[in-house]
Amino acid sequence: INRFDTTKLKSIELIRCDITNELLEDFLKRILVFENTLFKYIFFHVDHNKIGPIGCRMIASCDSLANLKELELSDNKIRDVGLKALASSTFQNL
């Protein structure tokens, strides 16, 4: 992620990108670095990737995703543990 005006950015789609928990962690860290300029995302689509329970915990604890209205995680390996982490998140609009 480069520095550019992201105040109008509302959606992130990383579909079929072979995103693993490790890549997701790196991506979310970069979001948090620019949190003061990145706007709070309302759509986050990471379906058809390789995200597991650990990735779900990272998503659930990411402040930049707190205002999500739509989260797409289909065809990942989130399991019950990942679902529980997402259910206990602070997402206000899901």
Protein backbone atom coordinates (compact mmCIF):
# COMPACT_ATOMS: atom_id res chain seq x y z
CA ILE A 1 0.00 0.00 0.00
CA ASN A 2 1.44 3.30 -1.02
CA ARG A 3 0.60 6.65 0.45
CA PHE A 4 -2.28 8.13 -1.47
CA ASP A 5 -5.59 9.67 -0.56
CA THR A 6 -7.67 6.81 0.71
CA THR A 7 -10.35 8.79 2.52
CA LYS A 8 -12.93 7.76 -0.07
CA LEU A 9 -11.85 4.11 -0.20
CA LYS A 10 -14.72 2.00 1.13
CA SER A 11 -14.19 -1.44 -0.35
CA ILE A 12 -11.38 -3.98 -0.49
CA GLU A 13 -11.73 -7.06 -2.67
CA LEU A 14 -9.03 -9.72 -2.55
CA ILE A 15 -10.89 -12.55 -4.23
CA ARG A 16 -9.08 -15.72 -5.38
CA CYS A 17 -5.68 -14.33 -4.45
CA ASP A 18 -4.43 -17.31 -2.41
CA ILE A 19 -4.37 -15.06 0.67
CA THR A 20 -2.99 -17.03 3.62
CA ASN A 21 -3.13 -16.08 7.30
CA GLU A 22 0.44 -14.74 6.99
CA LEU A 23 -0.35 -12.55 3.98
CA LEU A 24 -3.53 -11.34 5.65
CA GLU A 25 -1.57 -10.41 8.78
CA ASP A 26 0.90 -8.37 6.70
CA PHE A 27 -1.94 -6.67 4.84
CA LEU A 28 -3.83 -5.78 8.04
CA LYS A 29 -0.65 -4.40 9.62
CA ARG A 30 -0.25 -2.11 6.63
CA ILE A 31 -3.84 -0.95 7.04
CA LEU A 32 -3.18 -0.14 10.67
CA VAL A 33 -0.04 1.86 9.77
CA PHE A 34 -2.18 4.17 7.67
CA GLU A 35 -5.19 4.05 9.97
CA ASN A 36 -5.21 7.81 10.38
CA THR A 37 -5.56 8.24 6.60
CA LEU A 38 -7.33 5.04 5.66
CA PHE A 39 -11.00 5.31 6.00
CA LYS A 40 -12.99 2.77 7.87
CA TYR A 41 -13.86 0.13 5.31
CA ILE A 42 -17.44 -0.99 4.90
CA PHE A 43 -16.93 -3.84 2.41
CA PHE A 44 -14.17 -6.46 2.81
CA HIS A 45 -14.26 -9.39 0.40
CA VAL A 46 -11.63 -12.08 0.85
CA ASP A 47 -13.58 -15.06 -0.40
CA HIS A 48 -11.95 -18.05 -2.14
CA ASN A 49 -8.64 -17.75 -0.29
CA LYS A 50 -6.74 -19.72 2.33
CA ILE A 51 -7.80 -17.87 5.47
CA GLY A 52 -8.25 -19.94 8.60
CA PRO A 53 -9.23 -19.31 12.23
CA ILE A 54 -6.10 -17.26 12.88
CA GLY A 55 -6.98 -14.94 10.00
CA CYS A 56 -10.52 -14.61 11.35
CA ARG A 57 -9.13 -13.51 14.71
CA MET A 58 -6.99 -10.90 12.96
CA ILE A 59 -9.96 -9.60 10.99
CA ALA A 60 -12.12 -9.49 14.12
CA SER A 61 -9.54 -7.42 16.00
CA CYS A 62 -8.70 -4.97 13.18
CA ASP A 63 -9.91 -1.47 14.13
CA SER A 64 -9.91 -0.38 10.48
CA LEU A 65 -12.65 -2.94 9.82
CA ALA A 66 -14.86 -2.03 12.80
CA ASN A 67 -17.53 -0.38 10.62
CA LEU A 68 -17.96 -3.27 8.19
CA LYS A 69 -21.37 -3.71 6.65
CA GLU A 70 -20.30 -6.64 4.51
CA LEU A 71 -17.67 -9.31 5.08
CA GLU A 72 -17.29 -12.09 2.52
CA LEU A 73 -15.27 -15.12 3.63
CA SER A 74 -16.85 -17.92 1.61
CA ASP A 75 -14.62 -20.79 0.49
CA ASN A 76 -12.03 -20.30 3.23
CA LYS A 77 -11.20 -22.68 6.06
CA ILE A 78 -12.45 -20.59 8.96
CA ARG A 79 -13.90 -23.49 11.01
CA ASP A 80 -15.91 -23.08 14.20
CA VAL A 81 -13.04 -21.35 16.01
CA GLY A 82 -12.82 -18.67 13.31
CA LEU A 83 -16.55 -18.18 13.31
CA LYS A 84 -16.51 -17.76 17.08
CA ALA A 85 -13.77 -15.10 16.79
CA LEU A 86 -15.81 -13.20 14.20
CA ALA A 87 -18.95 -13.46 16.32
CA SER A 88 -17.13 -11.94 19.29
CA SER A 89 -15.75 -9.03 17.23
CA THR A 90 -16.73 -5.42 17.73
CA PHE A 91 -18.21 -5.05 14.26
CA GLN A 92 -21.06 -2.61 14.75
CA ASN A 93 -22.95 -3.11 11.51
CA LEU A 94 -22.73 -6.82 10.73
